[in-house]
Amino acid sequence: MDNQVAAIFLGTILLSVVCITENAFVCKDLTQQMLKELEHKLGMDSTVHESFNMISPSMDSFSLLSDLFIKDVRRTSIYGGRQCSTDAMNNLPGNHHLRNTSCPFHLVMNRDPNRIPAVLMEARCNCNNDEPCIGGDVNSRCAPIKYFVRAMRKTALCGADGFYEYKHTLEPISVGCTCTMEHWTYAGNLKMSLG
């Protein structure tokens, strides 16, 4: 028994010495040139990250979707129910990310053969404009949360080589849904929605 205790004690000391020795090695940071090469390799060498498009899509040199681009968007539901009800949410597993939301959504594949990438994942709100948010005020409504991603789109322009031209664009996709309040104003006896 004493030999086992001694072996465990010696093993622990040896392991500690090895860890201390290995931790004594200091990693170096990549040089600026190495970082630029890595960003280029990963396709992340843009001057401004696409998350800045949440502020203003016009900040970038990319253009928003216009009549110049050829569009053929089709959406296919792939995950999640489409019900706008508390019961539908309660039927989800306890750790499900939509279980406690007031604006449930389902996921769809957004396909367009005239876009690169041709397939994007997108969220679609389950509650329509006539229904309030789950557990919300009567004037509450679910609205999509938009995010702009970079893409290439086929244009209606034909290049000198006879092939369609592709241009950079910012593609708006829905990444979720949130509860918003409708704003009302009264003009005499007429109640009008302001959006």
C-alpha atoms as a PDB file:
ATOM      1  CA  MET A   1       0.000   0.000   0.000  1.00  0.00           C
ATOM      2  CA  ASP A   2       2.853   2.378   0.851  1.00  0.00           C
ATOM      3  CA  ASN A   3       4.426   1.693  -2.561  1.00  0.00           C
ATOM      4  CA  GLN A   4       1.186   2.744  -4.299  1.00  0.00           C
ATOM      5  CA  VAL A   5       1.004   5.999  -2.347  1.00  0.00           C
ATOM      6  CA  ALA A   6       4.662   6.711  -3.096  1.00  0.00           C
ATOM      7  CA  ALA A   7       4.126   5.978  -6.825  1.00  0.00           C
ATOM      8  CA  ILE A   8       1.095   8.295  -6.973  1.00  0.00           C
ATOM      9  CA  PHE A   9       3.051  11.027  -5.140  1.00  0.00           C
ATOM     10  CA  LEU A  10       6.041  10.715  -7.514  1.00  0.00           C
ATOM     11  CA  GLY A  11       3.716  10.657 -10.540  1.00  0.00           C
ATOM     12  CA  THR A  12       2.015  13.858  -9.392  1.00  0.00           C
ATOM     13  CA  ILE A  13       5.374  15.609  -8.900  1.00  0.00           C
ATOM     14  CA  LEU A  14       6.601  14.465 -12.322  1.00  0.00           C
ATOM     15  CA  LEU A  15       3.387  15.662 -13.991  1.00  0.00           C
ATOM     16  CA  SER A  16       3.729  19.074 -12.271  1.00  0.00           C
ATOM     17  CA  VAL A  17       7.325  19.438 -13.513  1.00  0.00           C
ATOM     18  CA  VAL A  18       6.275  18.579 -17.088  1.00  0.00           C
ATOM     19  CA  CYS A  19       3.397  21.112 -16.984  1.00  0.00           C
ATOM     20  CA  ILE A  20       5.664  23.857 -15.636  1.00  0.00           C
ATOM     21  CA  THR A  21       8.252  23.132 -18.343  1.00  0.00           C
ATOM     22  CA  GLU A  22       5.640  23.170 -21.150  1.00  0.00           C
ATOM     23  CA  ASN A  23       4.050  26.380 -19.873  1.00  0.00           C
ATOM     24  CA  ALA A  24       7.445  28.076 -19.878  1.00  0.00           C
ATOM     25  CA  PHE A  25       7.257  28.126 -23.709  1.00  0.00           C
ATOM     26  CA  VAL A  26       5.789  31.439 -24.869  1.00  0.00           C
ATOM     27  CA  CYS A  27       3.799  31.654 -28.104  1.00  0.00           C
ATOM     28  CA  LYS A  28       4.479  34.553 -30.433  1.00  0.00           C
ATOM     29  CA  ASP A  29       1.850  36.688 -32.116  1.00  0.00           C
ATOM     30  CA  LEU A  30       1.535  36.523 -35.883  1.00  0.00           C
ATOM     31  CA  THR A  31       3.149  39.390 -37.747  1.00  0.00           C
ATOM     32  CA  GLN A  32       0.898  41.929 -39.498  1.00  0.00           C
ATOM     33  CA  GLN A  33       1.789  40.379 -42.860  1.00  0.00           C
ATOM     34  CA  MET A  34       0.911  36.887 -41.579  1.00  0.00           C
ATOM     35  CA  LEU A  35      -2.418  38.180 -40.233  1.00  0.00           C
ATOM     36  CA  LYS A  36      -3.261  39.784 -43.596  1.00  0.00           C
ATOM     37  CA  GLU A  37      -2.449  36.542 -45.426  1.00  0.00           C
ATOM     38  CA  LEU A  38      -4.628  34.572 -42.990  1.00  0.00           C
ATOM     39  CA  GLU A  39      -7.531  37.024 -43.394  1.00  0.00           C
ATOM     40  CA  HIS A  40      -7.235  36.778 -47.185  1.00  0.00           C
ATOM     41  CA  LYS A  41      -7.136  32.970 -47.037  1.00  0.00           C
ATOM     42  CA  LEU A  42     -10.297  32.961 -44.882  1.00  0.00           C
ATOM     43  CA  GLY A  43     -12.041  35.578 -47.056  1.00  0.00           C
ATOM     44  CA  MET A  44     -12.106  38.105 -44.217  1.00  0.00           C
ATOM     45  CA  ASP A  45      -9.905  40.789 -45.739  1.00  0.00           C
ATOM     46  CA  SER A  46     -12.635  43.384 -46.261  1.00  0.00           C
ATOM     47  CA  THR A  47     -11.972  46.818 -44.801  1.00  0.00           C
ATOM     48  CA  VAL A  48     -15.255  46.778 -42.857  1.00  0.00           C
ATOM     49  CA  HIS A  49     -16.924  43.662 -41.429  1.00  0.00           C
ATOM     50  CA  GLU A  50     -20.478  43.000 -42.603  1.00  0.00           C
ATOM     51  CA  SER A  51     -21.807  43.413 -39.037  1.00  0.00           C
ATOM     52  CA  PHE A  52     -21.350  47.183 -39.577  1.00  0.00           C
ATOM     53  CA  ASN A  53     -24.130  46.978 -42.185  1.00  0.00           C
ATOM     54  CA  MET A  54     -26.593  46.954 -39.281  1.00  0.00           C
ATOM     55  CA  ILE A  55     -25.790  50.663 -38.866  1.00  0.00           C
ATOM     56  CA  SER A  56     -26.204  51.585 -42.512  1.00  0.00           C
ATOM     57  CA  PRO A  57     -25.935  49.284 -45.506  1.00  0.00           C
ATOM     58  CA  SER A  58     -24.755  52.247 -47.576  1.00  0.00           C
ATOM     59  CA  MET A  59     -21.519  52.450 -45.550  1.00  0.00           C
ATOM     60  CA  ASP A  60     -19.976  49.768 -47.703  1.00  0.00           C
ATOM     61  CA  SER A  61     -19.069  49.905 -51.376  1.00  0.00           C
ATOM     62  CA  PHE A  62     -21.693  47.221 -51.993  1.00  0.00           C
ATOM     63  CA  SER A  63     -25.131  48.080 -53.271  1.00  0.00           C
ATOM     64  CA  LEU A  64     -28.501  47.021 -51.955  1.00  0.00           C
ATOM     65  CA  LEU A  65     -30.750  44.884 -54.099  1.00  0.00           C
ATOM     66  CA  SER A  66     -31.985  46.877 -57.065  1.00  0.00           C
ATOM     67  CA  ASP A  67     -33.888  46.324 -60.291  1.00  0.00           C
ATOM     68  CA  LEU A  68     -30.540  45.718 -61.944  1.00  0.00           C
ATOM     69  CA  PHE A  69     -30.230  42.339 -60.217  1.00  0.00           C
ATOM     70  CA  ILE A  70     -31.979  39.191 -61.406  1.00  0.00           C
ATOM     71  CA  LYS A  71     -33.931  37.602 -58.552  1.00  0.00           C
ATOM     72  CA  ASP A  72     -35.669  34.245 -58.202  1.00  0.00           C
ATOM     73  CA  VAL A  73     -35.970  33.710 -54.437  1.00  0.00           C
ATOM     74  CA  ARG A  74     -37.737  30.553 -53.213  1.00  0.00           C
ATOM     75  CA  ARG A  75     -38.125  29.602 -49.574  1.00  0.00           C
ATOM     76  CA  THR A  76     -38.464  26.070 -48.198  1.00  0.00           C
ATOM     77  CA  SER A  77     -39.363  25.478 -44.556  1.00  0.00           C
ATOM     78  CA  ILE A  78     -36.867  23.131 -42.947  1.00  0.00           C
ATOM     79  CA  TYR A  79     -37.124  23.463 -39.169  1.00  0.00           C
ATOM     80  CA  GLY A  80     -39.691  24.502 -36.588  1.00  0.00           C
ATOM     81  CA  GLY A  81     -43.463  24.668 -36.465  1.00  0.00           C
ATOM     82  CA  ARG A  82     -45.469  27.525 -37.918  1.00  0.00           C
ATOM     83  CA  GLN A  83     -47.964  28.024 -35.093  1.00  0.00           C
ATOM     84  CA  CYS A  84     -48.326  31.341 -33.328  1.00  0.00           C
ATOM     85  CA  SER A  85     -49.471  30.031 -29.954  1.00  0.00           C
ATOM     86  CA  THR A  86     -48.292  29.451 -26.407  1.00  0.00           C
ATOM     87  CA  ASP A  87     -49.255  25.776 -26.718  1.00  0.00           C
ATOM     88  CA  ALA A  88     -46.965  25.323 -29.703  1.00  0.00           C
ATOM     89  CA  MET A  89     -44.075  26.812 -27.711  1.00  0.00           C
ATOM     90  CA  ASN A  90     -44.802  24.653 -24.633  1.00  0.00           C
ATOM     91  CA  ASN A  91     -44.555  21.485 -26.740  1.00  0.00           C
ATOM     92  CA  LEU A  92     -40.892  22.223 -27.485  1.00  0.00           C
ATOM     93  CA  PRO A  93     -38.147  20.621 -25.352  1.00  0.00           C
ATOM     94  CA  GLY A  94     -37.335  22.528 -22.138  1.00  0.00           C
ATOM     95  CA  ASN A  95     -33.954  23.732 -23.409  1.00  0.00           C
ATOM     96  CA  HIS A  96     -35.176  24.757 -26.881  1.00  0.00           C
ATOM     97  CA  HIS A  97     -34.136  28.288 -27.927  1.00  0.00           C
ATOM     98  CA  LEU A  98     -37.710  29.247 -28.965  1.00  0.00           C
ATOM     99  CA  ARG A  99     -39.490  27.941 -25.868  1.00  0.00           C
ATOM    100  CA  ASN A 100     -39.853  31.276 -24.045  1.00  0.00           C
ATOM    101  CA  THR A 101     -40.122  33.646 -26.988  1.00  0.00           C
ATOM    102  CA  SER A 102     -43.049  35.965 -27.574  1.00  0.00           C
ATOM    103  CA  CYS A 103     -42.388  35.869 -31.341  1.00  0.00           C
ATOM    104  CA  PRO A 104     -41.769  32.315 -32.497  1.00  0.00           C
ATOM    105  CA  PHE A 105     -40.224  31.703 -35.901  1.00  0.00           C
ATOM    106  CA  HIS A 106     -39.309  28.802 -38.125  1.00  0.00           C
ATOM    107  CA  LEU A 107     -36.246  28.392 -40.306  1.00  0.00           C
ATOM    108  CA  VAL A 108     -36.340  28.306 -44.086  1.00  0.00           C
ATOM    109  CA  MET A 109     -33.789  27.793 -46.815  1.00  0.00           C
ATOM    110  CA  ASN A 110     -33.686  30.883 -48.997  1.00  0.00           C
ATOM    111  CA  ARG A 111     -32.627  29.707 -52.470  1.00  0.00           C
ATOM    112  CA  ASP A 112     -31.808  31.829 -55.477  1.00  0.00           C
ATOM    113  CA  PRO A 113     -29.823  30.402 -58.409  1.00  0.00           C
ATOM    114  CA  ASN A 114     -28.937  33.978 -59.435  1.00  0.00           C
ATOM    115  CA  ARG A 115     -27.013  34.618 -56.202  1.00  0.00           C
ATOM    116  CA  ILE A 116     -23.703  33.433 -54.778  1.00  0.00           C
ATOM    117  CA  PRO A 117     -24.154  31.817 -52.307  1.00  0.00           C
ATOM    118  CA  ALA A 118     -27.289  30.310 -53.818  1.00  0.00           C
ATOM    119  CA  VAL A 119     -28.620  29.054 -50.460  1.00  0.00           C
ATOM    120  CA  LEU A 120     -28.949  31.073 -47.243  1.00  0.00           C
ATOM    121  CA  MET A 121     -30.688  30.175 -43.962  1.00  0.00           C
ATOM    122  CA  GLU A 122     -33.429  32.575 -42.927  1.00  0.00           C
ATOM    123  CA  ALA A 123     -36.016  32.954 -40.145  1.00  0.00           C
ATOM    124  CA  ARG A 124     -39.707  33.557 -40.854  1.00  0.00           C
ATOM    125  CA  CYS A 125     -42.113  34.892 -38.200  1.00  0.00           C
ATOM    126  CA  ASN A 126     -44.971  32.555 -37.245  1.00  0.00           C
ATOM    127  CA  CYS A 127     -47.285  35.329 -36.035  1.00  0.00           C
ATOM    128  CA  ASN A 128     -48.727  37.460 -38.834  1.00  0.00           C
ATOM    129  CA  ASN A 129     -49.555  41.165 -38.721  1.00  0.00           C
ATOM    130  CA  ASP A 130     -53.107  40.502 -37.489  1.00  0.00           C
ATOM    131  CA  GLU A 131     -51.964  38.724 -34.307  1.00  0.00           C
ATOM    132  CA  PRO A 132     -50.361  40.254 -31.208  1.00  0.00           C
ATOM    133  CA  CYS A 133     -47.132  38.820 -29.802  1.00  0.00           C
ATOM    134  CA  ILE A 134     -47.599  35.820 -27.524  1.00  0.00           C
ATOM    135  CA  GLY A 135     -48.401  37.222 -24.094  1.00  0.00           C
ATOM    136  CA  GLY A 136     -48.083  40.754 -25.477  1.00  0.00           C
ATOM    137  CA  ASP A 137     -50.256  43.836 -25.554  1.00  0.00           C
ATOM    138  CA  VAL A 138     -53.128  43.908 -28.058  1.00  0.00           C
ATOM    139  CA  ASN A 139     -51.166  46.481 -30.112  1.00  0.00           C
ATOM    140  CA  SER A 140     -47.963  44.418 -30.197  1.00  0.00           C
ATOM    141  CA  ARG A 141     -46.827  42.750 -33.423  1.00  0.00           C
ATOM    142  CA  CYS A 142     -43.993  40.411 -34.382  1.00  0.00           C
ATOM    143  CA  ALA A 143     -41.483  41.848 -36.828  1.00  0.00           C
ATOM    144  CA  PRO A 144     -38.489  40.258 -38.555  1.00  0.00           C
ATOM    145  CA  ILE A 145     -34.975  41.187 -37.452  1.00  0.00           C
ATOM    146  CA  LYS A 146     -32.979  41.943 -40.608  1.00  0.00           C
ATOM    147  CA  TYR A 147     -29.276  41.419 -41.178  1.00  0.00           C
ATOM    148  CA  PHE A 148     -27.354  42.273 -44.323  1.00  0.00           C
ATOM    149  CA  VAL A 149     -24.933  39.691 -45.701  1.00  0.00           C
ATOM    150  CA  ARG A 150     -22.525  40.052 -48.607  1.00  0.00           C
ATOM    151  CA  ALA A 151     -23.392  38.198 -51.770  1.00  0.00           C
ATOM    152  CA  MET A 152     -22.785  38.262 -55.510  1.00  0.00           C
ATOM    153  CA  ARG A 153     -25.816  38.664 -57.778  1.00  0.00           C
ATOM    154  CA  LYS A 154     -26.343  38.116 -61.468  1.00  0.00           C
ATOM    155  CA  THR A 155     -27.239  41.376 -63.160  1.00  0.00           C
ATOM    156  CA  ALA A 156     -29.268  42.075 -66.274  1.00  0.00           C
ATOM    157  CA  LEU A 157     -26.043  43.344 -67.865  1.00  0.00           C
ATOM    158  CA  CYS A 158     -24.196  41.297 -70.444  1.00  0.00           C
ATOM    159  CA  GLY A 159     -20.408  41.562 -70.480  1.00  0.00           C
ATOM    160  CA  ALA A 160     -18.231  41.941 -73.591  1.00  0.00           C
ATOM    161  CA  ASP A 161     -17.503  38.206 -73.353  1.00  0.00           C
ATOM    162  CA  GLY A 162     -21.224  37.391 -73.720  1.00  0.00           C
ATOM    163  CA  PHE A 163     -21.692  36.257 -70.096  1.00  0.00           C
ATOM    164  CA  TYR A 164     -23.957  37.834 -67.486  1.00  0.00           C
ATOM    165  CA  GLU A 165     -22.117  40.135 -65.119  1.00  0.00           C
ATOM    166  CA  TYR A 166     -22.165  39.523 -61.359  1.00  0.00           C
ATOM    167  CA  LYS A 167     -21.946  42.361 -58.839  1.00  0.00           C
ATOM    168  CA  HIS A 168     -21.438  42.564 -55.080  1.00  0.00           C
ATOM    169  CA  THR A 169     -24.608  43.235 -53.130  1.00  0.00           C
ATOM    170  CA  LEU A 170     -25.894  43.310 -49.581  1.00  0.00           C
ATOM    171  CA  GLU A 171     -28.628  40.730 -49.205  1.00  0.00           C
ATOM    172  CA  PRO A 172     -31.195  41.399 -46.433  1.00  0.00           C
ATOM    173  CA  ILE A 173     -32.115  38.220 -44.570  1.00  0.00           C
ATOM    174  CA  SER A 174     -34.258  37.709 -41.467  1.00  0.00           C
ATOM    175  CA  VAL A 175     -32.334  36.222 -38.548  1.00  0.00           C
ATOM    176  CA  GLY A 176     -35.182  36.153 -36.036  1.00  0.00           C
ATOM    177  CA  CYS A 177     -38.340  37.914 -34.894  1.00  0.00           C
ATOM    178  CA  THR A 178     -38.984  40.461 -32.171  1.00  0.00           C
ATOM    179  CA  CYS A 179     -42.042  41.957 -30.534  1.00  0.00           C
ATOM    180  CA  THR A 180     -42.734  45.598 -31.426  1.00  0.00           C
ATOM    181  CA  MET A 181     -45.507  48.001 -30.517  1.00  0.00           C
ATOM    182  CA  GLU A 182     -47.710  49.611 -33.133  1.00  0.00           C
ATOM    183  CA  HIS A 183     -47.970  53.368 -32.739  1.00  0.00           C
ATOM    184  CA  TRP A 184     -51.409  54.894 -33.037  1.00  0.00           C
ATOM    185  CA  THR A 185     -52.605  58.431 -33.506  1.00  0.00           C
ATOM    186  CA  TYR A 186     -56.104  59.844 -33.304  1.00  0.00           C
ATOM    187  CA  ALA A 187     -57.454  62.244 -35.911  1.00  0.00           C
ATOM    188  CA  GLY A 188     -60.933  63.166 -34.746  1.00  0.00           C
ATOM    189  CA  ASN A 189     -62.730  59.855 -34.258  1.00  0.00           C
ATOM    190  CA  LEU A 190     -60.383  57.994 -36.622  1.00  0.00           C
ATOM    191  CA  LYS A 191     -57.678  55.749 -35.157  1.00  0.00           C
ATOM    192  CA  MET A 192     -54.710  55.361 -37.545  1.00  0.00           C
ATOM    193  CA  SER A 193     -51.649  53.112 -37.300  1.00  0.00           C
ATOM    194  CA  LEU A 194     -48.287  54.819 -37.740  1.00  0.00           C
ATOM    195  CA  GLY A 195     -46.470  51.536 -38.356  1.00  0.00           C
END
